[in-house]
Amino acid sequence: MKLKLGFSPCPNDTFIFDALIHHKIDTEGLDFEVFYDDVETLNHKAFRQDLDVTKLSFHAYAYCVQNYVLLDSGSALGYGVGPLVISKYPVTDSGTVYTDKTVAIPGKFTTANFLFSLAFPEVKNKVELVFSEIEEAVLSGKVDLGLIIHENRFTYEQKGLHKVIDLGAYWEEKTGCAIPLGGIVAKRSLDQDTKHKINRVLRKSVEYAFTNPTSGIAFIRSHAQTMEDEVMYKHIGLYVNKYSVDLGSEGRSAIELLFSKAVSAGVIPEVKEHLFLI
């Protein structure tokens, strides 16, 4: 059975999916046509139901939950992994109000924007940019603030930029939970056996990657573009962990809490479907 699979070219995703797409594990008869896109592009593909299995932001999941269900394996949750708000100038007053500021975001439906909206509901002046363009937009003065994700966590200081707030720390202080960023979903229209088979082979792929961490290095590096190896390994270490193998009760609780708070704040519509694979 061949399925359309989408994930990002970022090291955490290529690390997770290497064994699966290159058949280093038993894929139980499944084969995959792979699409590599940034997460906001994948979010919109999910809205159109273009893919059978895809990575997406938890924010986006709220808008396509009727068509997709979250798998237990492959998710990105953790502590100290949240998006950062950055500025060209140091911010000394933590009580600063940003109502009149222009903020570059990596996509309307990213979990980064989800969290930013929870922390700063008064900020409405947002500019959507590809995540890799945000640092330069702040440096050039095109925007006042930038909301950064992925490897930009490791590069903004080298460019002379300053952290305003760590939204991951904000979430952790408010809830005590790991911060849910993104997950892997499968079409609800697939039969239950197929959905569970996808979940099993994905888990095997993550476990293989942990057991054989250098096995996919050429593949990972080929999609990391100019990223230095040190940053690449930091990226993987930050976003791939026990929750990527299996959400478990802790991971599921953190996701449920995120959705509950977002619904209460009016950031997302009420979700009536069950979130997790049964």
C-alpha atoms as a PDB file:
ATOM      1  CA  MET A   1       0.000   0.000   0.000  1.00  0.00           C
ATOM      2  CA  LYS A   2       1.426   3.369  -1.019  1.00  0.00           C
ATOM      3  CA  LEU A   3       0.656   6.458   1.045  1.00  0.00           C
ATOM      4  CA  LYS A   4       1.400  10.158   0.520  1.00  0.00           C
ATOM      5  CA  LEU A   5       3.593  11.317   3.401  1.00  0.00           C
ATOM      6  CA  GLY A   6       4.609  14.883   4.237  1.00  0.00           C
ATOM      7  CA  PHE A   7       7.222  16.098   6.693  1.00  0.00           C
ATOM      8  CA  SER A   8       9.671  18.967   6.935  1.00  0.00           C
ATOM      9  CA  PRO A   9      13.322  18.857   5.821  1.00  0.00           C
ATOM     10  CA  CYS A  10      14.333  19.893   9.349  1.00  0.00           C
ATOM     11  CA  PRO A  11      16.752  17.530  11.139  1.00  0.00           C
ATOM     12  CA  ASN A  12      14.245  16.355  13.727  1.00  0.00           C
ATOM     13  CA  ASP A  13      11.850  15.097  11.041  1.00  0.00           C
ATOM     14  CA  THR A  14      14.468  13.571   8.752  1.00  0.00           C
ATOM     15  CA  PHE A  15      15.997  11.857  11.791  1.00  0.00           C
ATOM     16  CA  ILE A  16      12.608  10.362  12.688  1.00  0.00           C
ATOM     17  CA  PHE A  17      11.565   9.273   9.202  1.00  0.00           C
ATOM     18  CA  ASP A  18      14.884   8.076   7.758  1.00  0.00           C
ATOM     19  CA  ALA A  19      14.468   4.401   8.689  1.00  0.00           C
ATOM     20  CA  LEU A  20      10.836   4.349   7.595  1.00  0.00           C
ATOM     21  CA  ILE A  21      11.226   5.801   4.103  1.00  0.00           C
ATOM     22  CA  HIS A  22      14.473   3.949   3.406  1.00  0.00           C
ATOM     23  CA  HIS A  23      13.065   0.600   4.594  1.00  0.00           C
ATOM     24  CA  LYS A  24      15.685   0.095   7.283  1.00  0.00           C
ATOM     25  CA  ILE A  25      12.804  -1.357   9.281  1.00  0.00           C
ATOM     26  CA  ASP A  26       9.909  -3.628   8.346  1.00  0.00           C
ATOM     27  CA  THR A  27       7.219  -1.235   7.082  1.00  0.00           C
ATOM     28  CA  GLU A  28       4.606  -4.023   7.078  1.00  0.00           C
ATOM     29  CA  GLY A  29       3.844  -3.627   3.383  1.00  0.00           C
ATOM     30  CA  LEU A  30       3.566   0.150   3.477  1.00  0.00           C
ATOM     31  CA  ASP A  31       5.401   2.338   0.990  1.00  0.00           C
ATOM     32  CA  PHE A  32       5.507   6.131   0.928  1.00  0.00           C
ATOM     33  CA  GLU A  33       5.587   8.940  -1.603  1.00  0.00           C
ATOM     34  CA  VAL A  34       7.370  11.680   0.306  1.00  0.00           C
ATOM     35  CA  PHE A  35       6.790  15.449   0.170  1.00  0.00           C
ATOM     36  CA  TYR A  36       9.249  17.768   1.936  1.00  0.00           C
ATOM     37  CA  ASP A  37       7.772  21.138   2.940  1.00  0.00           C
ATOM     38  CA  ASP A  38       8.030  23.719   5.704  1.00  0.00           C
ATOM     39  CA  VAL A  39       5.458  23.188   8.423  1.00  0.00           C
ATOM     40  CA  GLU A  40       3.079  25.961   7.353  1.00  0.00           C
ATOM     41  CA  THR A  41       2.925  24.515   3.833  1.00  0.00           C
ATOM     42  CA  LEU A  42       2.206  21.118   5.367  1.00  0.00           C
ATOM     43  CA  ASN A  43      -0.512  22.701   7.503  1.00  0.00           C
ATOM     44  CA  HIS A  44      -2.262  23.990   4.394  1.00  0.00           C
ATOM     45  CA  LYS A  45      -1.855  20.650   2.622  1.00  0.00           C
ATOM     46  CA  ALA A  46      -3.629  19.082   5.592  1.00  0.00           C
ATOM     47  CA  PHE A  47      -6.459  21.587   5.266  1.00  0.00           C
ATOM     48  CA  ARG A  48      -6.851  20.433   1.636  1.00  0.00           C
ATOM     49  CA  GLN A  49      -6.438  16.766   2.614  1.00  0.00           C
ATOM     50  CA  ASP A  50      -3.622  16.414   0.079  1.00  0.00           C
ATOM     51  CA  LEU A  51      -1.652  13.903   2.162  1.00  0.00           C
ATOM     52  CA  ASP A  52      -2.492  10.584   3.828  1.00  0.00           C
ATOM     53  CA  VAL A  53       0.026  11.079   6.628  1.00  0.00           C
ATOM     54  CA  THR A  54       1.646  14.374   7.549  1.00  0.00           C
ATOM     55  CA  LYS A  55       3.510  16.416  10.099  1.00  0.00           C
ATOM     56  CA  LEU A  56       1.578  19.499  11.180  1.00  0.00           C
ATOM     57  CA  SER A  57       1.396  22.094  13.925  1.00  0.00           C
ATOM     58  CA  PHE A  58      -0.942  21.430  16.811  1.00  0.00           C
ATOM     59  CA  HIS A  59      -2.523  24.792  16.029  1.00  0.00           C
ATOM     60  CA  ALA A  60      -3.344  23.604  12.519  1.00  0.00           C
ATOM     61  CA  TYR A  61      -4.633  20.308  13.862  1.00  0.00           C
ATOM     62  CA  ALA A  62      -7.525  22.175  15.470  1.00  0.00           C
ATOM     63  CA  TYR A  63      -8.697  23.185  11.976  1.00  0.00           C
ATOM     64  CA  CYS A  64      -8.492  19.749  10.328  1.00  0.00           C
ATOM     65  CA  VAL A  65      -9.208  17.424  13.242  1.00  0.00           C
ATOM     66  CA  GLN A  66     -12.379  16.252  11.501  1.00  0.00           C
ATOM     67  CA  ASN A  67     -10.258  14.739   8.727  1.00  0.00           C
ATOM     68  CA  TYR A  68      -7.104  13.596  10.547  1.00  0.00           C
ATOM     69  CA  VAL A  69      -6.251  11.817  13.784  1.00  0.00           C
ATOM     70  CA  LEU A  70      -3.069  12.213  15.817  1.00  0.00           C
ATOM     71  CA  LEU A  71      -0.710   9.241  16.002  1.00  0.00           C
ATOM     72  CA  ASP A  72       1.032   8.314  19.259  1.00  0.00           C
ATOM     73  CA  SER A  73       4.476   8.389  17.643  1.00  0.00           C
ATOM     74  CA  GLY A  74       6.409  11.159  15.924  1.00  0.00           C
ATOM     75  CA  SER A  75       5.307  14.191  17.927  1.00  0.00           C
ATOM     76  CA  ALA A  76       7.506  17.066  19.047  1.00  0.00           C
ATOM     77  CA  LEU A  77       6.917  17.985  22.698  1.00  0.00           C
ATOM     78  CA  GLY A  78       9.392  18.938  25.328  1.00  0.00           C
ATOM     79  CA  TYR A  79      10.801  21.328  27.871  1.00  0.00           C
ATOM     80  CA  GLY A  80      12.941  24.273  26.809  1.00  0.00           C
ATOM     81  CA  VAL A  81      11.940  23.834  23.173  1.00  0.00           C
ATOM     82  CA  GLY A  82       9.408  26.596  22.670  1.00  0.00           C
ATOM     83  CA  PRO A  83       9.425  29.418  20.144  1.00  0.00           C
ATOM     84  CA  LEU A  84      11.166  32.659  21.043  1.00  0.00           C
ATOM     85  CA  VAL A  85      10.163  36.274  20.502  1.00  0.00           C
ATOM     86  CA  ILE A  86      13.203  38.327  19.474  1.00  0.00           C
ATOM     87  CA  SER A  87      14.017  41.996  18.975  1.00  0.00           C
ATOM     88  CA  LYS A  88      16.774  44.054  17.392  1.00  0.00           C
ATOM     89  CA  TYR A  89      17.203  45.887  20.680  1.00  0.00           C
ATOM     90  CA  PRO A  90      17.510  44.645  24.282  1.00  0.00           C
ATOM     91  CA  VAL A  91      14.251  44.586  26.232  1.00  0.00           C
ATOM     92  CA  THR A  92      14.745  45.476  29.893  1.00  0.00           C
ATOM     93  CA  ASP A  93      11.105  45.833  31.001  1.00  0.00           C
ATOM     94  CA  SER A  94       9.267  42.495  31.125  1.00  0.00           C
ATOM     95  CA  GLY A  95       5.995  44.396  31.484  1.00  0.00           C
ATOM     96  CA  THR A  96       6.316  46.120  28.113  1.00  0.00           C
ATOM     97  CA  VAL A  97       3.091  46.250  26.094  1.00  0.00           C
ATOM     98  CA  TYR A  98       3.457  45.323  22.417  1.00  0.00           C
ATOM     99  CA  THR A  99       0.048  46.378  21.111  1.00  0.00           C
ATOM    100  CA  ASP A 100       1.519  48.759  18.530  1.00  0.00           C
ATOM    101  CA  LYS A 101       4.355  46.461  17.418  1.00  0.00           C
ATOM    102  CA  THR A 102       4.621  44.580  14.139  1.00  0.00           C
ATOM    103  CA  VAL A 103       5.510  40.928  14.658  1.00  0.00           C
ATOM    104  CA  ALA A 104       6.822  38.501  12.042  1.00  0.00           C
ATOM    105  CA  ILE A 105       5.334  35.020  12.550  1.00  0.00           C
ATOM    106  CA  PRO A 106       6.250  31.748  10.795  1.00  0.00           C
ATOM    107  CA  GLY A 107       2.649  31.150   9.727  1.00  0.00           C
ATOM    108  CA  LYS A 108      -0.847  31.801  11.025  1.00  0.00           C
ATOM    109  CA  PHE A 109      -1.444  28.150  11.864  1.00  0.00           C
ATOM    110  CA  THR A 110       1.900  27.357  13.479  1.00  0.00           C
ATOM    111  CA  THR A 111       1.935  26.370  17.126  1.00  0.00           C
ATOM    112  CA  ALA A 112       4.330  29.283  17.612  1.00  0.00           C
ATOM    113  CA  ASN A 113       1.546  31.708  16.680  1.00  0.00           C
ATOM    114  CA  PHE A 114      -0.845  29.633  18.788  1.00  0.00           C
ATOM    115  CA  LEU A 115       1.340  30.244  21.874  1.00  0.00           C
ATOM    116  CA  PHE A 116       2.062  33.859  20.987  1.00  0.00           C
ATOM    117  CA  SER A 117      -1.697  34.490  20.799  1.00  0.00           C
ATOM    118  CA  LEU A 118      -2.149  33.003  24.256  1.00  0.00           C
ATOM    119  CA  ALA A 119       0.643  35.130  25.733  1.00  0.00           C
ATOM    120  CA  PHE A 120      -0.093  38.361  23.809  1.00  0.00           C
ATOM    121  CA  PRO A 121      -3.765  38.350  22.779  1.00  0.00           C
ATOM    122  CA  GLU A 122      -3.641  42.137  22.311  1.00  0.00           C
ATOM    123  CA  VAL A 123      -1.095  41.976  19.451  1.00  0.00           C
ATOM    124  CA  LYS A 124      -2.851  41.952  16.079  1.00  0.00           C
ATOM    125  CA  ASN A 125      -0.285  43.426  13.685  1.00  0.00           C
ATOM    126  CA  LYS A 126       1.346  40.253  12.351  1.00  0.00           C
ATOM    127  CA  VAL A 127       3.307  39.581   9.175  1.00  0.00           C
ATOM    128  CA  GLU A 128       3.582  35.988   7.915  1.00  0.00           C
ATOM    129  CA  LEU A 129       7.056  34.972   6.694  1.00  0.00           C
ATOM    130  CA  VAL A 130       8.904  31.722   6.070  1.00  0.00           C
ATOM    131  CA  PHE A 131      10.599  30.912   9.397  1.00  0.00           C
ATOM    132  CA  SER A 132      14.088  31.259   7.912  1.00  0.00           C
ATOM    133  CA  GLU A 133      13.410  34.866   6.832  1.00  0.00           C
ATOM    134  CA  ILE A 134      12.329  36.192  10.224  1.00  0.00           C
ATOM    135  CA  GLU A 135      15.727  37.048  11.712  1.00  0.00           C
ATOM    136  CA  GLU A 136      16.618  39.184   8.700  1.00  0.00           C
ATOM    137  CA  ALA A 137      13.234  40.948   8.830  1.00  0.00           C
ATOM    138  CA  VAL A 138      13.966  41.973  12.425  1.00  0.00           C
ATOM    139  CA  LEU A 139      17.536  43.016  11.645  1.00  0.00           C
ATOM    140  CA  SER A 140      16.435  45.143   8.687  1.00  0.00           C
ATOM    141  CA  GLY A 141      13.694  46.873  10.677  1.00  0.00           C
ATOM    142  CA  LYS A 142      10.932  45.494   8.485  1.00  0.00           C
ATOM    143  CA  VAL A 143       9.255  44.307  11.688  1.00  0.00           C
ATOM    144  CA  ASP A 144       9.652  45.212  15.359  1.00  0.00           C
ATOM    145  CA  LEU A 145       9.627  41.673  16.709  1.00  0.00           C
ATOM    146  CA  GLY A 146      10.146  38.176  15.339  1.00  0.00           C
ATOM    147  CA  LEU A 147       8.690  34.863  16.402  1.00  0.00           C
ATOM    148  CA  ILE A 148      11.364  32.255  15.719  1.00  0.00           C
ATOM    149  CA  ILE A 149      11.337  28.454  15.670  1.00  0.00           C
ATOM    150  CA  HIS A 150      13.576  25.532  14.687  1.00  0.00           C
ATOM    151  CA  GLU A 151      17.317  26.129  14.336  1.00  0.00           C
ATOM    152  CA  ASN A 152      16.935  29.902  14.641  1.00  0.00           C
ATOM    153  CA  ARG A 153      16.902  29.309  18.408  1.00  0.00           C
ATOM    154  CA  PHE A 154      20.635  28.646  18.026  1.00  0.00           C
ATOM    155  CA  THR A 155      21.549  31.461  15.639  1.00  0.00           C
ATOM    156  CA  TYR A 156      19.738  34.648  16.649  1.00  0.00           C
ATOM    157  CA  GLU A 157      22.318  35.716  19.260  1.00  0.00           C
ATOM    158  CA  GLN A 158      25.162  35.320  16.769  1.00  0.00           C
ATOM    159  CA  LYS A 159      23.366  37.891  14.610  1.00  0.00           C
ATOM    160  CA  GLY A 160      23.115  40.411  17.448  1.00  0.00           C
ATOM    161  CA  LEU A 161      19.425  39.855  18.151  1.00  0.00           C
ATOM    162  CA  HIS A 162      17.884  39.759  21.624  1.00  0.00           C
ATOM    163  CA  LYS A 163      15.360  37.495  23.294  1.00  0.00           C
ATOM    164  CA  VAL A 164      12.162  39.172  24.468  1.00  0.00           C
ATOM    165  CA  ILE A 165      10.433  36.062  25.832  1.00  0.00           C
ATOM    166  CA  ASP A 166      10.733  32.302  25.607  1.00  0.00           C
ATOM    167  CA  LEU A 167       7.182  31.119  24.956  1.00  0.00           C
ATOM    168  CA  GLY A 168       8.150  27.604  25.958  1.00  0.00           C
ATOM    169  CA  ALA A 169       9.194  28.829  29.390  1.00  0.00           C
ATOM    170  CA  TYR A 170       5.971  30.881  29.532  1.00  0.00           C
ATOM    171  CA  TRP A 171       3.909  27.743  28.869  1.00  0.00           C
ATOM    172  CA  GLU A 172       5.885  25.644  31.329  1.00  0.00           C
ATOM    173  CA  GLU A 173       5.527  28.239  34.100  1.00  0.00           C
ATOM    174  CA  LYS A 174       1.783  28.442  33.509  1.00  0.00           C
ATOM    175  CA  THR A 175       1.113  24.704  33.269  1.00  0.00           C
ATOM    176  CA  GLY A 176       4.083  22.633  34.412  1.00  0.00           C
ATOM    177  CA  CYS A 177       3.620  20.581  31.250  1.00  0.00           C
ATOM    178  CA  ALA A 178       5.827  19.862  28.266  1.00  0.00           C
ATOM    179  CA  ILE A 179       5.068  22.190  25.381  1.00  0.00           C
ATOM    180  CA  PRO A 180       3.329  20.513  22.409  1.00  0.00           C
ATOM    181  CA  LEU A 181       4.649  21.821  19.089  1.00  0.00           C
ATOM    182  CA  GLY A 182       3.742  19.434  16.294  1.00  0.00           C
ATOM    183  CA  GLY A 183       2.616  15.909  15.594  1.00  0.00           C
ATOM    184  CA  ILE A 184       2.061  13.285  12.925  1.00  0.00           C
ATOM    185  CA  VAL A 185      -1.499  12.702  11.786  1.00  0.00           C
ATOM    186  CA  ALA A 186      -3.167  10.168   9.503  1.00  0.00           C
ATOM    187  CA  LYS A 187      -6.406  10.489   7.575  1.00  0.00           C
ATOM    188  CA  ARG A 188      -9.411   9.349   9.570  1.00  0.00           C
ATOM    189  CA  SER A 189     -10.802   7.827   6.358  1.00  0.00           C
ATOM    190  CA  LEU A 190      -8.053   5.180   6.380  1.00  0.00           C
ATOM    191  CA  ASP A 191      -9.163   1.908   7.956  1.00  0.00           C
ATOM    192  CA  GLN A 192      -8.205   1.327  11.580  1.00  0.00           C
ATOM    193  CA  ASP A 193      -5.749  -1.452  10.754  1.00  0.00           C
ATOM    194  CA  THR A 194      -3.840   0.843   8.389  1.00  0.00           C
ATOM    195  CA  LYS A 195      -3.738   3.709  10.891  1.00  0.00           C
ATOM    196  CA  HIS A 196      -2.365   1.431  13.590  1.00  0.00           C
ATOM    197  CA  LYS A 197       0.125  -0.042  11.127  1.00  0.00           C
ATOM    198  CA  ILE A 198       1.376   3.483  10.284  1.00  0.00           C
ATOM    199  CA  ASN A 199       1.728   4.215  13.979  1.00  0.00           C
ATOM    200  CA  ARG A 200       3.665   0.996  14.578  1.00  0.00           C
ATOM    201  CA  VAL A 201       6.133   1.494  11.743  1.00  0.00           C
ATOM    202  CA  LEU A 202       6.637   5.137  12.700  1.00  0.00           C
ATOM    203  CA  ARG A 203       7.460   4.100  16.256  1.00  0.00           C
ATOM    204  CA  LYS A 204       9.908   1.504  14.920  1.00  0.00           C
ATOM    205  CA  SER A 205      11.512   4.222  12.792  1.00  0.00           C
ATOM    206  CA  VAL A 206      12.012   6.522  15.788  1.00  0.00           C
ATOM    207  CA  GLU A 207      13.370   3.675  17.901  1.00  0.00           C
ATOM    208  CA  TYR A 208      15.750   2.677  15.091  1.00  0.00           C
ATOM    209  CA  ALA A 209      17.002   6.281  14.891  1.00  0.00           C
ATOM    210  CA  PHE A 210      17.716   6.354  18.626  1.00  0.00           C
ATOM    211  CA  THR A 211      19.490   2.996  18.487  1.00  0.00           C
ATOM    212  CA  ASN A 212      21.442   3.923  15.335  1.00  0.00           C
ATOM    213  CA  PRO A 213      21.869   7.711  15.619  1.00  0.00           C
ATOM    214  CA  THR A 214      24.408   8.039  12.800  1.00  0.00           C
ATOM    215  CA  SER A 215      22.612   5.756  10.331  1.00  0.00           C
ATOM    216  CA  GLY A 216      20.711   8.536   8.586  1.00  0.00           C
ATOM    217  CA  ILE A 217      23.332  11.268   8.887  1.00  0.00           C
ATOM    218  CA  ALA A 218      23.915  11.669   5.129  1.00  0.00           C
ATOM    219  CA  PHE A 219      20.165  11.902   4.514  1.00  0.00           C
ATOM    220  CA  ILE A 220      19.675  14.351   7.378  1.00  0.00           C
ATOM    221  CA  ARG A 221      22.597  16.499   6.278  1.00  0.00           C
ATOM    222  CA  SER A 222      21.402  16.545   2.646  1.00  0.00           C
ATOM    223  CA  HIS A 223      18.214  18.324   3.751  1.00  0.00           C
ATOM    224  CA  ALA A 224      19.830  20.569   6.364  1.00  0.00           C
ATOM    225  CA  GLN A 225      21.256  22.846   3.629  1.00  0.00           C
ATOM    226  CA  THR A 226      23.985  25.052   5.112  1.00  0.00           C
ATOM    227  CA  MET A 227      23.242  24.173   8.723  1.00  0.00           C
ATOM    228  CA  GLU A 228      26.381  23.372  10.700  1.00  0.00           C
ATOM    229  CA  ASP A 229      26.576  19.846  12.113  1.00  0.00           C
ATOM    230  CA  GLU A 230      26.640  21.177  15.685  1.00  0.00           C
ATOM    231  CA  VAL A 231      23.369  23.034  15.130  1.00  0.00           C
ATOM    232  CA  MET A 232      21.906  20.015  13.358  1.00  0.00           C
ATOM    233  CA  TYR A 233      22.621  17.739  16.325  1.00  0.00           C
ATOM    234  CA  LYS A 234      21.309  20.334  18.792  1.00  0.00           C
ATOM    235  CA  HIS A 235      18.142  20.561  16.732  1.00  0.00           C
ATOM    236  CA  ILE A 236      17.593  16.802  16.895  1.00  0.00           C
ATOM    237  CA  GLY A 237      18.411  16.686  20.603  1.00  0.00           C
ATOM    238  CA  LEU A 238      15.939  19.449  21.338  1.00  0.00           C
ATOM    239  CA  TYR A 239      12.905  18.144  19.464  1.00  0.00           C
ATOM    240  CA  VAL A 240      13.215  14.328  19.435  1.00  0.00           C
ATOM    241  CA  ASN A 241      12.681  12.623  22.794  1.00  0.00           C
ATOM    242  CA  LYS A 242      10.518  10.101  24.629  1.00  0.00           C
ATOM    243  CA  TYR A 243       7.336  11.820  23.415  1.00  0.00           C
ATOM    244  CA  SER A 244       8.472  11.184  19.831  1.00  0.00           C
ATOM    245  CA  VAL A 245       8.475   7.454  20.548  1.00  0.00           C
ATOM    246  CA  ASP A 246       5.107   7.501  22.304  1.00  0.00           C
ATOM    247  CA  LEU A 247       3.044  10.363  23.671  1.00  0.00           C
ATOM    248  CA  GLY A 248       2.047   8.444  26.777  1.00  0.00           C
ATOM    249  CA  SER A 249      -0.370   9.892  29.311  1.00  0.00           C
ATOM    250  CA  GLU A 250       1.870  12.926  29.970  1.00  0.00           C
ATOM    251  CA  GLY A 251       2.064  13.892  26.315  1.00  0.00           C
ATOM    252  CA  ARG A 252      -1.638  13.408  25.752  1.00  0.00           C
ATOM    253  CA  SER A 253      -2.471  15.489  28.840  1.00  0.00           C
ATOM    254  CA  ALA A 254      -0.236  18.341  27.661  1.00  0.00           C
ATOM    255  CA  ILE A 255      -1.937  18.383  24.250  1.00  0.00           C
ATOM    256  CA  GLU A 256      -5.416  18.278  25.801  1.00  0.00           C
ATOM    257  CA  LEU A 257      -4.479  21.181  28.094  1.00  0.00           C
ATOM    258  CA  LEU A 258      -3.127  23.212  25.172  1.00  0.00           C
ATOM    259  CA  PHE A 259      -6.365  22.739  23.248  1.00  0.00           C
ATOM    260  CA  SER A 260      -8.488  23.519  26.307  1.00  0.00           C
ATOM    261  CA  LYS A 261      -6.658  26.788  26.993  1.00  0.00           C
ATOM    262  CA  ALA A 262      -6.750  27.793  23.329  1.00  0.00           C
ATOM    263  CA  VAL A 263     -10.503  27.162  23.083  1.00  0.00           C
ATOM    264  CA  SER A 264     -11.121  29.145  26.290  1.00  0.00           C
ATOM    265  CA  ALA A 265      -9.039  32.043  24.943  1.00  0.00           C
ATOM    266  CA  GLY A 266     -10.873  31.986  21.614  1.00  0.00           C
ATOM    267  CA  VAL A 267      -7.673  31.158  19.714  1.00  0.00           C
ATOM    268  CA  ILE A 268      -9.215  28.041  18.122  1.00  0.00           C
ATOM    269  CA  PRO A 269     -12.777  26.773  17.655  1.00  0.00           C
ATOM    270  CA  GLU A 270     -14.205  24.110  19.938  1.00  0.00           C
ATOM    271  CA  VAL A 271     -12.927  20.651  19.032  1.00  0.00           C
ATOM    272  CA  LYS A 272     -15.562  17.912  19.193  1.00  0.00           C
ATOM    273  CA  GLU A 273     -13.643  15.000  17.667  1.00  0.00           C
ATOM    274  CA  HIS A 274     -11.356  12.773  19.738  1.00  0.00           C
ATOM    275  CA  LEU A 275      -7.761  13.910  19.285  1.00  0.00           C
ATOM    276  CA  PHE A 276      -5.891  10.627  19.571  1.00  0.00           C
ATOM    277  CA  LEU A 277      -5.734   7.319  17.737  1.00  0.00           C
ATOM    278  CA  ILE A 278      -8.009   4.801  19.411  1.00  0.00           C
END
